[in-house]
Amino acid sequence: MNEETRSALRSDADRFRQGLGNSIWRIGIVALNNPGLLCVLLYRFQEAAVKKARWRQARFLRTVNHFLTGADLLPGSKIGGGLIIQHPNGIVIGAGATIGEHATVLQQVTVGEKLSSNHSEHAYPRIGDRCVLGAGAKILGGISIGDDVRIGANAVVLHDLPNSVSAVGIPARVA
């Protein structure tokens, strides 16, 4: 595992254990009883396999993650360190999607491509740092989401969003 993946893992663990102190027992209990942390750990191992071009191993880890947690994080997606996934059930993050540092992703979120009419163009969203993706949010297409953006529950985002805004509705509008 390379240093970049180790750093992301440390950042993920730090966010999950906020408020728990440094007790190894408390941290261990969270790791064993939190499917969100399990999902993130499996994704990080999948990401390490992709970086070493071990595609079979990466696809196997994707399947294990999907089976155990209900999240489908495709090999090739890029997610920064400090990721929090509260409830991983139903989360789908596409192969070309990019999510920045310290993101929070809630259940049933989709970050994926929006197919063109001729299905030849593959464009995925780029999401900035410290974003919160509310339950059921859909972020689709080759769009850019700025830093510190909050996307409300069940919002459908199809256009770029600037930094530090909240977006809600179908289609999503800045609130």
N, C-alpha and C. Protein backbone atom coordinates (compact mmCIF):
# COMPACT_ATOMS: atom_id res chain seq x y z
N MET A 1 0.86 -1.18 0.00
CA MET A 1 0.00 0.00 0.00
C MET A 1 0.90 1.24 0.00
N ASN A 2 0.62 2.19 -0.88
CA ASN A 2 1.47 3.36 -0.98
C ASN A 2 1.14 4.39 0.11
N GLU A 3 1.98 5.39 0.22
CA GLU A 3 1.84 6.40 1.28
C GLU A 3 0.56 7.22 1.12
N GLU A 4 0.16 7.48 -0.10
CA GLU A 4 -1.06 8.26 -0.34
C GLU A 4 -2.29 7.53 0.22
N THR A 5 -2.36 6.23 0.00
CA THR A 5 -3.48 5.44 0.52
C THR A 5 -3.42 5.35 2.04
N ARG A 6 -2.22 5.19 2.60
CA ARG A 6 -2.08 5.16 4.07
C ARG A 6 -2.53 6.47 4.68
N SER A 7 -2.16 7.57 4.06
CA SER A 7 -2.56 8.89 4.56
C SER A 7 -4.09 9.05 4.51
N ALA A 8 -4.71 8.60 3.43
CA ALA A 8 -6.18 8.66 3.33
C ALA A 8 -6.84 7.80 4.40
N LEU A 9 -6.28 6.61 4.65
CA LEU A 9 -6.82 5.74 5.69
C LEU A 9 -6.73 6.40 7.07
N ARG A 10 -5.59 7.03 7.37
CA ARG A 10 -5.43 7.72 8.66
C ARG A 10 -6.45 8.85 8.79
N SER A 11 -6.64 9.60 7.72
CA SER A 11 -7.59 10.70 7.73
C SER A 11 -9.03 10.19 7.91
N ASP A 12 -9.37 9.09 7.23
CA ASP A 12 -10.69 8.48 7.39
C ASP A 12 -10.92 8.06 8.83
N ALA A 13 -9.94 7.35 9.41
CA ALA A 13 -10.07 6.87 10.79
C ALA A 13 -10.20 8.02 11.76
N ASP A 14 -9.45 9.09 11.54
CA ASP A 14 -9.54 10.26 12.43
C ASP A 14 -10.93 10.86 12.43
N ARG A 15 -11.56 10.96 11.26
CA ARG A 15 -12.91 11.52 11.20
C ARG A 15 -13.93 10.60 11.87
N PHE A 16 -13.78 9.30 11.72
CA PHE A 16 -14.73 8.37 12.33
C PHE A 16 -14.60 8.35 13.84
N ARG A 17 -13.41 8.57 14.36
CA ARG A 17 -13.24 8.46 15.81
C ARG A 17 -13.36 9.79 16.54
N GLN A 18 -13.76 10.85 15.87
CA GLN A 18 -13.94 12.14 16.54
C GLN A 18 -14.88 11.96 17.72
N GLY A 19 -14.46 12.47 18.85
CA GLY A 19 -15.28 12.37 20.06
C GLY A 19 -15.08 11.08 20.83
N LEU A 20 -14.30 10.15 20.30
CA LEU A 20 -14.07 8.89 20.99
C LEU A 20 -12.79 8.92 21.81
N GLY A 21 -11.97 9.94 21.64
CA GLY A 21 -10.68 9.96 22.31
C GLY A 21 -9.73 8.99 21.62
N ASN A 22 -8.70 8.60 22.33
CA ASN A 22 -7.70 7.70 21.75
C ASN A 22 -7.79 6.29 22.30
N SER A 23 -8.87 5.96 22.99
CA SER A 23 -9.01 4.62 23.54
C SER A 23 -9.08 3.60 22.40
N ILE A 24 -8.15 2.68 22.40
CA ILE A 24 -8.11 1.66 21.35
C ILE A 24 -9.36 0.79 21.39
N TRP A 25 -9.92 0.58 22.57
CA TRP A 25 -11.13 -0.24 22.69
C TRP A 25 -12.32 0.44 22.03
N ARG A 26 -12.49 1.73 22.28
CA ARG A 26 -13.61 2.45 21.66
C ARG A 26 -13.47 2.50 20.14
N ILE A 27 -12.26 2.76 19.68
CA ILE A 27 -12.02 2.81 18.24
C ILE A 27 -12.28 1.43 17.63
N GLY A 28 -11.85 0.38 18.31
CA GLY A 28 -12.08 -0.99 17.84
C GLY A 28 -13.55 -1.33 17.75
N ILE A 29 -14.32 -0.88 18.76
CA ILE A 29 -15.77 -1.14 18.76
C ILE A 29 -16.42 -0.42 17.58
N VAL A 30 -16.02 0.82 17.33
CA VAL A 30 -16.57 1.55 16.19
C VAL A 30 -16.24 0.83 14.89
N ALA A 31 -15.00 0.37 14.75
CA ALA A 31 -14.60 -0.30 13.52
C ALA A 31 -15.39 -1.59 13.30
N LEU A 32 -15.67 -2.33 14.36
CA LEU A 32 -16.39 -3.59 14.22
C LEU A 32 -17.89 -3.41 14.03
N ASN A 33 -18.43 -2.31 14.53
CA ASN A 33 -19.88 -2.13 14.52
C ASN A 33 -20.37 -1.04 13.58
N ASN A 34 -19.50 -0.50 12.74
CA ASN A 34 -19.90 0.60 11.88
C ASN A 34 -19.74 0.20 10.41
N PRO A 35 -20.84 -0.07 9.71
CA PRO A 35 -20.72 -0.45 8.30
C PRO A 35 -20.15 0.66 7.43
N GLY A 36 -20.32 1.91 7.83
CA GLY A 36 -19.75 3.01 7.06
C GLY A 36 -18.23 2.97 7.07
N LEU A 37 -17.64 2.70 8.24
CA LEU A 37 -16.19 2.59 8.33
C LEU A 37 -15.70 1.36 7.56
N LEU A 38 -16.42 0.26 7.65
CA LEU A 38 -16.06 -0.94 6.89
C LEU A 38 -16.07 -0.63 5.39
N CYS A 39 -17.08 0.08 4.94
CA CYS A 39 -17.19 0.46 3.53
C CYS A 39 -15.98 1.28 3.08
N VAL A 40 -15.60 2.25 3.90
CA VAL A 40 -14.47 3.12 3.57
C VAL A 40 -13.17 2.31 3.54
N LEU A 41 -12.97 1.43 4.52
CA LEU A 41 -11.75 0.62 4.56
C LEU A 41 -11.65 -0.27 3.33
N LEU A 42 -12.74 -0.94 2.98
CA LEU A 42 -12.72 -1.79 1.79
C LEU A 42 -12.45 -0.97 0.52
N TYR A 43 -13.01 0.23 0.45
CA TYR A 43 -12.74 1.09 -0.70
C TYR A 43 -11.26 1.44 -0.78
N ARG A 44 -10.64 1.75 0.36
CA ARG A 44 -9.21 2.11 0.36
C ARG A 44 -8.34 0.94 -0.12
N PHE A 45 -8.69 -0.29 0.29
CA PHE A 45 -7.94 -1.44 -0.19
C PHE A 45 -8.18 -1.64 -1.70
N GLN A 46 -9.39 -1.38 -2.14
CA GLN A 46 -9.72 -1.47 -3.57
C GLN A 46 -8.90 -0.44 -4.34
N GLU A 47 -8.83 0.77 -3.80
CA GLU A 47 -8.06 1.85 -4.43
C GLU A 47 -6.57 1.48 -4.54
N ALA A 48 -6.03 0.85 -3.49
CA ALA A 48 -4.63 0.41 -3.53
C ALA A 48 -4.42 -0.64 -4.61
N ALA A 49 -5.38 -1.54 -4.78
CA ALA A 49 -5.29 -2.57 -5.82
C ALA A 49 -5.32 -1.93 -7.21
N VAL A 50 -6.15 -0.91 -7.40
CA VAL A 50 -6.22 -0.22 -8.69
C VAL A 50 -4.88 0.44 -9.01
N LYS A 51 -4.26 1.07 -8.01
CA LYS A 51 -2.99 1.75 -8.23
C LYS A 51 -1.88 0.78 -8.62
N LYS A 52 -2.03 -0.48 -8.22
CA LYS A 52 -1.05 -1.50 -8.60
C LYS A 52 -1.49 -2.28 -9.83
N ALA A 53 -2.56 -1.81 -10.49
CA ALA A 53 -3.12 -2.44 -11.69
C ALA A 53 -3.55 -3.88 -11.42
N ARG A 54 -4.04 -4.15 -10.23
CA ARG A 54 -4.59 -5.46 -9.88
C ARG A 54 -6.11 -5.37 -9.99
N TRP A 55 -6.58 -5.39 -11.23
CA TRP A 55 -7.99 -5.14 -11.50
C TRP A 55 -8.90 -6.24 -10.98
N ARG A 56 -8.47 -7.47 -11.05
CA ARG A 56 -9.30 -8.56 -10.51
C ARG A 56 -9.49 -8.42 -9.02
N GLN A 57 -8.42 -8.10 -8.32
CA GLN A 57 -8.50 -7.90 -6.88
C GLN A 57 -9.42 -6.71 -6.57
N ALA A 58 -9.30 -5.64 -7.33
CA ALA A 58 -10.13 -4.45 -7.11
C ALA A 58 -11.61 -4.79 -7.34
N ARG A 59 -11.92 -5.53 -8.39
CA ARG A 59 -13.31 -5.91 -8.66
C ARG A 59 -13.85 -6.84 -7.57
N PHE A 60 -12.98 -7.73 -7.07
CA PHE A 60 -13.39 -8.62 -5.98
C PHE A 60 -13.71 -7.81 -4.73
N LEU A 61 -12.86 -6.85 -4.39
CA LEU A 61 -13.11 -6.00 -3.21
C LEU A 61 -14.38 -5.17 -3.39
N ARG A 62 -14.64 -4.72 -4.61
CA ARG A 62 -15.89 -4.00 -4.90
C ARG A 62 -17.09 -4.91 -4.60
N THR A 63 -17.02 -6.15 -5.04
CA THR A 63 -18.12 -7.10 -4.82
C THR A 63 -18.30 -7.39 -3.33
N VAL A 64 -17.21 -7.58 -2.61
CA VAL A 64 -17.29 -7.82 -1.16
C VAL A 64 -17.91 -6.61 -0.47
N ASN A 65 -17.47 -5.41 -0.85
CA ASN A 65 -18.02 -4.19 -0.26
C ASN A 65 -19.52 -4.09 -0.53
N HIS A 66 -19.91 -4.36 -1.76
CA HIS A 66 -21.33 -4.28 -2.12
C HIS A 66 -22.15 -5.32 -1.33
N PHE A 67 -21.61 -6.51 -1.19
CA PHE A 67 -22.31 -7.58 -0.47
C PHE A 67 -22.44 -7.25 1.02
N LEU A 68 -21.37 -6.76 1.63
CA LEU A 68 -21.38 -6.52 3.08
C LEU A 68 -22.06 -5.22 3.49
N THR A 69 -21.93 -4.17 2.66
CA THR A 69 -22.42 -2.86 3.09
C THR A 69 -23.53 -2.29 2.22
N GLY A 70 -23.69 -2.80 1.00
CA GLY A 70 -24.71 -2.28 0.10
C GLY A 70 -24.22 -1.10 -0.73
N ALA A 71 -22.96 -0.71 -0.58
CA ALA A 71 -22.41 0.40 -1.36
C ALA A 71 -21.69 -0.14 -2.59
N ASP A 72 -21.77 0.59 -3.69
CA ASP A 72 -21.11 0.19 -4.92
C ASP A 72 -20.16 1.31 -5.34
N LEU A 73 -18.91 1.19 -4.90
CA LEU A 73 -17.89 2.17 -5.21
C LEU A 73 -17.00 1.57 -6.28
N LEU A 74 -17.17 2.03 -7.51
CA LEU A 74 -16.51 1.40 -8.65
C LEU A 74 -15.02 1.68 -8.68
N PRO A 75 -14.23 0.67 -9.10
CA PRO A 75 -12.80 0.89 -9.27
C PRO A 75 -12.56 2.02 -10.27
N GLY A 76 -11.65 2.91 -9.93
CA GLY A 76 -11.36 4.05 -10.79
C GLY A 76 -11.90 5.35 -10.25
N SER A 77 -12.84 5.29 -9.31
CA SER A 77 -13.30 6.52 -8.68
C SER A 77 -12.19 7.03 -7.76
N LYS A 78 -12.16 8.34 -7.55
CA LYS A 78 -11.12 8.94 -6.72
C LYS A 78 -11.78 9.71 -5.59
N ILE A 79 -11.54 9.26 -4.36
CA ILE A 79 -12.15 9.89 -3.19
C ILE A 79 -11.04 10.27 -2.23
N GLY A 80 -11.01 11.53 -1.83
CA GLY A 80 -9.98 12.02 -0.93
C GLY A 80 -10.12 11.47 0.48
N GLY A 81 -9.10 11.68 1.28
CA GLY A 81 -9.08 11.22 2.66
C GLY A 81 -10.11 11.92 3.52
N GLY A 82 -10.39 11.34 4.67
CA GLY A 82 -11.36 11.92 5.59
C GLY A 82 -12.80 11.66 5.20
N LEU A 83 -13.04 10.63 4.42
CA LEU A 83 -14.39 10.31 3.95
C LEU A 83 -15.22 9.74 5.09
N ILE A 84 -16.43 10.26 5.25
CA ILE A 84 -17.39 9.71 6.21
C ILE A 84 -18.59 9.21 5.41
N ILE A 85 -18.91 7.95 5.61
CA ILE A 85 -20.13 7.38 5.06
C ILE A 85 -20.93 6.88 6.26
N GLN A 86 -22.04 7.52 6.54
CA GLN A 86 -22.82 7.16 7.72
C GLN A 86 -23.56 5.84 7.54
N HIS A 87 -24.30 5.74 6.47
CA HIS A 87 -25.09 4.55 6.17
C HIS A 87 -24.83 4.20 4.71
N PRO A 88 -23.99 3.20 4.43
CA PRO A 88 -23.55 2.96 3.06
C PRO A 88 -24.58 2.34 2.12
N ASN A 89 -25.71 1.92 2.64
CA ASN A 89 -26.68 1.22 1.80
C ASN A 89 -27.13 2.07 0.61
N GLY A 90 -26.98 1.53 -0.59
CA GLY A 90 -27.48 2.18 -1.79
C GLY A 90 -26.58 3.23 -2.39
N ILE A 91 -25.40 3.46 -1.85
CA ILE A 91 -24.50 4.46 -2.40
C ILE A 91 -23.85 3.90 -3.66
N VAL A 92 -23.85 4.71 -4.73
CA VAL A 92 -23.19 4.34 -5.98
C VAL A 92 -22.29 5.49 -6.39
N ILE A 93 -20.99 5.19 -6.57
CA ILE A 93 -20.05 6.20 -7.03
C ILE A 93 -19.38 5.64 -8.28
N GLY A 94 -19.57 6.32 -9.40
CA GLY A 94 -19.10 5.85 -10.70
C GLY A 94 -17.60 5.82 -10.85
N ALA A 95 -17.15 5.10 -11.86
CA ALA A 95 -15.72 4.84 -12.08
C ALA A 95 -14.90 6.09 -12.33
N GLY A 96 -15.47 7.11 -12.91
CA GLY A 96 -14.70 8.32 -13.20
C GLY A 96 -14.97 9.47 -12.26
N ALA A 97 -15.76 9.26 -11.24
CA ALA A 97 -16.13 10.33 -10.31
C ALA A 97 -14.95 10.70 -9.41
N THR A 98 -14.90 11.97 -9.03
CA THR A 98 -13.87 12.48 -8.12
C THR A 98 -14.56 13.21 -6.98
N ILE A 99 -14.19 12.84 -5.74
CA ILE A 99 -14.72 13.50 -4.55
C ILE A 99 -13.52 13.95 -3.72
N GLY A 100 -13.55 15.19 -3.25
CA GLY A 100 -12.43 15.77 -2.53
C GLY A 100 -12.29 15.27 -1.09
N GLU A 101 -11.43 15.95 -0.35
CA GLU A 101 -11.11 15.61 1.03
C GLU A 101 -12.28 15.91 1.97
N HIS A 102 -12.39 15.13 3.03
CA HIS A 102 -13.32 15.34 4.14
C HIS A 102 -14.78 15.45 3.70
N ALA A 103 -15.18 14.62 2.77
CA ALA A 103 -16.57 14.60 2.30
C ALA A 103 -17.42 13.74 3.24
N THR A 104 -18.71 14.06 3.29
CA THR A 104 -19.68 13.26 4.03
C THR A 104 -20.74 12.81 3.03
N VAL A 105 -20.93 11.49 2.95
CA VAL A 105 -21.88 10.92 1.99
C VAL A 105 -22.91 10.12 2.78
N LEU A 106 -24.18 10.45 2.62
CA LEU A 106 -25.25 9.75 3.31
C LEU A 106 -25.86 8.68 2.39
N GLN A 107 -26.80 7.94 2.90
CA GLN A 107 -27.34 6.77 2.20
C GLN A 107 -28.05 7.13 0.89
N GLN A 108 -28.02 6.17 -0.04
CA GLN A 108 -28.73 6.24 -1.32
C GLN A 108 -28.22 7.33 -2.25
N VAL A 109 -27.00 7.80 -2.07
CA VAL A 109 -26.42 8.83 -2.94
C VAL A 109 -25.87 8.19 -4.21
N THR A 110 -26.09 8.86 -5.35
CA THR A 110 -25.51 8.42 -6.62
C THR A 110 -24.66 9.55 -7.17
N VAL A 111 -23.40 9.22 -7.49
CA VAL A 111 -22.50 10.15 -8.16
C VAL A 111 -22.07 9.43 -9.43
N GLY A 112 -22.64 9.84 -10.56
CA GLY A 112 -22.37 9.07 -11.77
C GLY A 112 -22.49 9.87 -13.03
N GLU A 113 -22.34 9.15 -14.13
CA GLU A 113 -22.38 9.79 -15.43
C GLU A 113 -23.82 9.99 -15.90
N LYS A 114 -23.98 10.97 -16.76
CA LYS A 114 -25.25 11.18 -17.44
C LYS A 114 -24.99 10.87 -18.90
N LEU A 115 -25.60 9.82 -19.39
CA LEU A 115 -25.32 9.38 -20.75
C LEU A 115 -25.85 10.37 -21.77
N SER A 116 -25.05 10.59 -22.81
CA SER A 116 -25.50 11.42 -23.92
C SER A 116 -26.42 10.59 -24.80
N SER A 117 -27.07 11.24 -25.73
CA SER A 117 -28.02 10.54 -26.58
C SER A 117 -27.36 9.45 -27.43
N ASN A 118 -26.07 9.62 -27.77
CA ASN A 118 -25.39 8.61 -28.58
C ASN A 118 -24.52 7.67 -27.72
N HIS A 119 -24.54 7.83 -26.42
CA HIS A 119 -23.82 6.98 -25.46
C HIS A 119 -22.32 6.92 -25.69
N SER A 120 -21.75 7.90 -26.38
CA SER A 120 -20.32 7.87 -26.65
C SER A 120 -19.52 8.71 -25.66
N GLU A 121 -20.18 9.63 -25.00
CA GLU A 121 -19.49 10.54 -24.09
C GLU A 121 -19.66 10.07 -22.66
N HIS A 122 -18.55 9.89 -21.94
CA HIS A 122 -18.59 9.49 -20.54
C HIS A 122 -18.02 10.63 -19.70
N ALA A 123 -18.88 11.31 -18.97
CA ALA A 123 -18.44 12.43 -18.16
C ALA A 123 -18.98 12.25 -16.74
N TYR A 124 -18.07 12.34 -15.77
CA TYR A 124 -18.43 12.14 -14.36
C TYR A 124 -18.25 13.43 -13.58
N PRO A 125 -18.96 13.56 -12.46
CA PRO A 125 -18.83 14.77 -11.63
C PRO A 125 -17.49 14.86 -10.93
N ARG A 126 -17.09 16.09 -10.64
CA ARG A 126 -15.94 16.40 -9.81
C ARG A 126 -16.47 17.20 -8.62
N ILE A 127 -16.34 16.63 -7.44
CA ILE A 127 -16.89 17.23 -6.22
C ILE A 127 -15.74 17.71 -5.35
N GLY A 128 -15.86 18.93 -4.84
CA GLY A 128 -14.79 19.55 -4.07
C GLY A 128 -14.63 19.01 -2.65
N ASP A 129 -13.83 19.70 -1.87
CA ASP A 129 -13.52 19.32 -0.49
C ASP A 129 -14.64 19.73 0.47
N ARG A 130 -14.77 18.96 1.53
CA ARG A 130 -15.69 19.24 2.65
C ARG A 130 -17.15 19.36 2.22
N CYS A 131 -17.56 18.61 1.24
CA CYS A 131 -18.94 18.63 0.77
C CYS A 131 -19.78 17.62 1.54
N VAL A 132 -21.06 17.92 1.69
CA VAL A 132 -22.01 17.01 2.31
C VAL A 132 -23.05 16.65 1.26
N LEU A 133 -23.16 15.35 0.99
CA LEU A 133 -24.13 14.86 0.01
C LEU A 133 -25.27 14.22 0.78
N GLY A 134 -26.43 14.87 0.79
CA GLY A 134 -27.58 14.43 1.57
C GLY A 134 -28.18 13.13 1.07
N ALA A 135 -28.96 12.50 1.92
CA ALA A 135 -29.57 11.20 1.62
C ALA A 135 -30.36 11.26 0.32
N GLY A 136 -30.08 10.33 -0.58
CA GLY A 136 -30.81 10.22 -1.82
C GLY A 136 -30.41 11.20 -2.90
N ALA A 137 -29.38 12.00 -2.67
CA ALA A 137 -28.95 12.98 -3.67
C ALA A 137 -28.39 12.27 -4.90
N LYS A 138 -28.62 12.88 -6.06
CA LYS A 138 -28.11 12.37 -7.33
C LYS A 138 -27.29 13.47 -7.98
N ILE A 139 -26.01 13.22 -8.21
CA ILE A 139 -25.12 14.17 -8.86
C ILE A 139 -24.67 13.51 -10.15
N LEU A 140 -25.10 14.07 -11.29
CA LEU A 140 -24.94 13.37 -12.57
C LEU A 140 -24.28 14.24 -13.62
N GLY A 141 -23.42 13.64 -14.42
CA GLY A 141 -22.82 14.30 -15.57
C GLY A 141 -21.47 14.90 -15.27
N GLY A 142 -20.87 15.48 -16.28
CA GLY A 142 -19.54 16.08 -16.17
C GLY A 142 -19.60 17.46 -15.58
N ILE A 143 -20.01 17.57 -14.34
CA ILE A 143 -20.18 18.86 -13.68
C ILE A 143 -19.14 19.03 -12.59
N SER A 144 -18.98 20.27 -12.13
CA SER A 144 -18.06 20.58 -11.04
C SER A 144 -18.85 21.13 -9.86
N ILE A 145 -18.61 20.55 -8.71
CA ILE A 145 -19.22 21.01 -7.46
C ILE A 145 -18.09 21.64 -6.65
N GLY A 146 -18.27 22.87 -6.18
CA GLY A 146 -17.23 23.57 -5.45
C GLY A 146 -16.97 23.00 -4.06
N ASP A 147 -16.07 23.64 -3.34
CA ASP A 147 -15.76 23.25 -1.97
C ASP A 147 -16.85 23.72 -1.02
N ASP A 148 -17.01 23.01 0.09
CA ASP A 148 -17.94 23.37 1.18
C ASP A 148 -19.39 23.47 0.71
N VAL A 149 -19.78 22.64 -0.23
CA VAL A 149 -21.15 22.64 -0.75
C VAL A 149 -21.97 21.61 0.00
N ARG A 150 -23.22 21.96 0.30
CA ARG A 150 -24.16 21.03 0.91
C ARG A 150 -25.26 20.76 -0.10
N ILE A 151 -25.45 19.48 -0.39
CA ILE A 151 -26.50 19.09 -1.32
C ILE A 151 -27.58 18.40 -0.52
N GLY A 152 -28.80 18.91 -0.61
CA GLY A 152 -29.90 18.43 0.21
C GLY A 152 -30.38 17.05 -0.17
N ALA A 153 -31.18 16.49 0.72
CA ALA A 153 -31.74 15.16 0.52
C ALA A 153 -32.58 15.12 -0.76
N ASN A 154 -32.38 14.09 -1.55
CA ASN A 154 -33.12 13.83 -2.78
C ASN A 154 -32.95 14.88 -3.87
N ALA A 155 -31.95 15.75 -3.74
CA ALA A 155 -31.69 16.74 -4.78
C ALA A 155 -31.10 16.04 -6.00
N VAL A 156 -31.40 16.57 -7.18
CA VAL A 156 -30.83 16.07 -8.42
C VAL A 156 -30.00 17.20 -9.02
N VAL A 157 -28.68 17.04 -8.98
CA VAL A 157 -27.76 18.09 -9.42
C VAL A 157 -27.27 17.75 -10.82
N LEU A 158 -27.56 18.66 -11.77
CA LEU A 158 -27.19 18.46 -13.17
C LEU A 158 -26.31 19.58 -13.71
N HIS A 159 -26.04 20.62 -12.87
CA HIS A 159 -25.27 21.78 -13.30
C HIS A 159 -24.20 22.09 -12.26
N ASP A 160 -23.18 22.83 -12.68
CA ASP A 160 -22.10 23.23 -11.77
C ASP A 160 -22.64 24.01 -10.59
N LEU A 161 -21.96 23.87 -9.44
CA LEU A 161 -22.29 24.64 -8.25
C LEU A 161 -21.03 25.33 -7.75
N PRO A 162 -21.12 26.62 -7.38
CA PRO A 162 -19.94 27.33 -6.86
C PRO A 162 -19.63 26.90 -5.42
N ASN A 163 -18.57 27.44 -4.87
CA ASN A 163 -18.17 27.14 -3.50
C ASN A 163 -19.20 27.64 -2.49
N SER A 164 -19.29 26.93 -1.37
CA SER A 164 -20.02 27.37 -0.17
C SER A 164 -21.49 27.69 -0.40
N VAL A 165 -22.20 26.83 -1.11
CA VAL A 165 -23.63 27.01 -1.30
C VAL A 165 -24.36 25.75 -0.84
N SER A 166 -25.67 25.89 -0.69
CA SER A 166 -26.53 24.74 -0.44
C SER A 166 -27.45 24.60 -1.65
N ALA A 167 -27.65 23.38 -2.10
CA ALA A 167 -28.50 23.13 -3.25
C ALA A 167 -29.57 22.11 -2.87
N VAL A 168 -30.82 22.41 -3.22
CA VAL A 168 -31.94 21.54 -2.90
C VAL A 168 -32.90 21.49 -4.09
N GLY A 169 -33.70 20.43 -4.15
CA GLY A 169 -34.76 20.34 -5.13
C GLY A 169 -34.43 19.48 -6.33
N ILE A 170 -35.48 19.34 -7.18
CA ILE A 170 -35.37 18.56 -8.40
C ILE A 170 -35.86 19.45 -9.55
N PRO A 171 -35.01 19.92 -10.43
CA PRO A 171 -33.55 19.88 -10.37
C PRO A 171 -33.04 20.81 -9.26
N ALA A 172 -31.84 20.57 -8.79
CA ALA A 172 -31.29 21.31 -7.66
C ALA A 172 -31.07 22.78 -8.01
N ARG A 173 -31.43 23.60 -7.06
CA ARG A 173 -31.21 25.06 -7.16
C ARG A 173 -30.51 25.51 -5.90
N VAL A 174 -29.72 26.58 -6.03
CA VAL A 174 -29.03 27.14 -4.88
C VAL A 174 -30.06 27.75 -3.94
N ALA A 175 -29.98 27.36 -2.68
CA ALA A 175 -30.95 27.86 -1.69
C ALA A 175 -30.41 29.07 -0.96
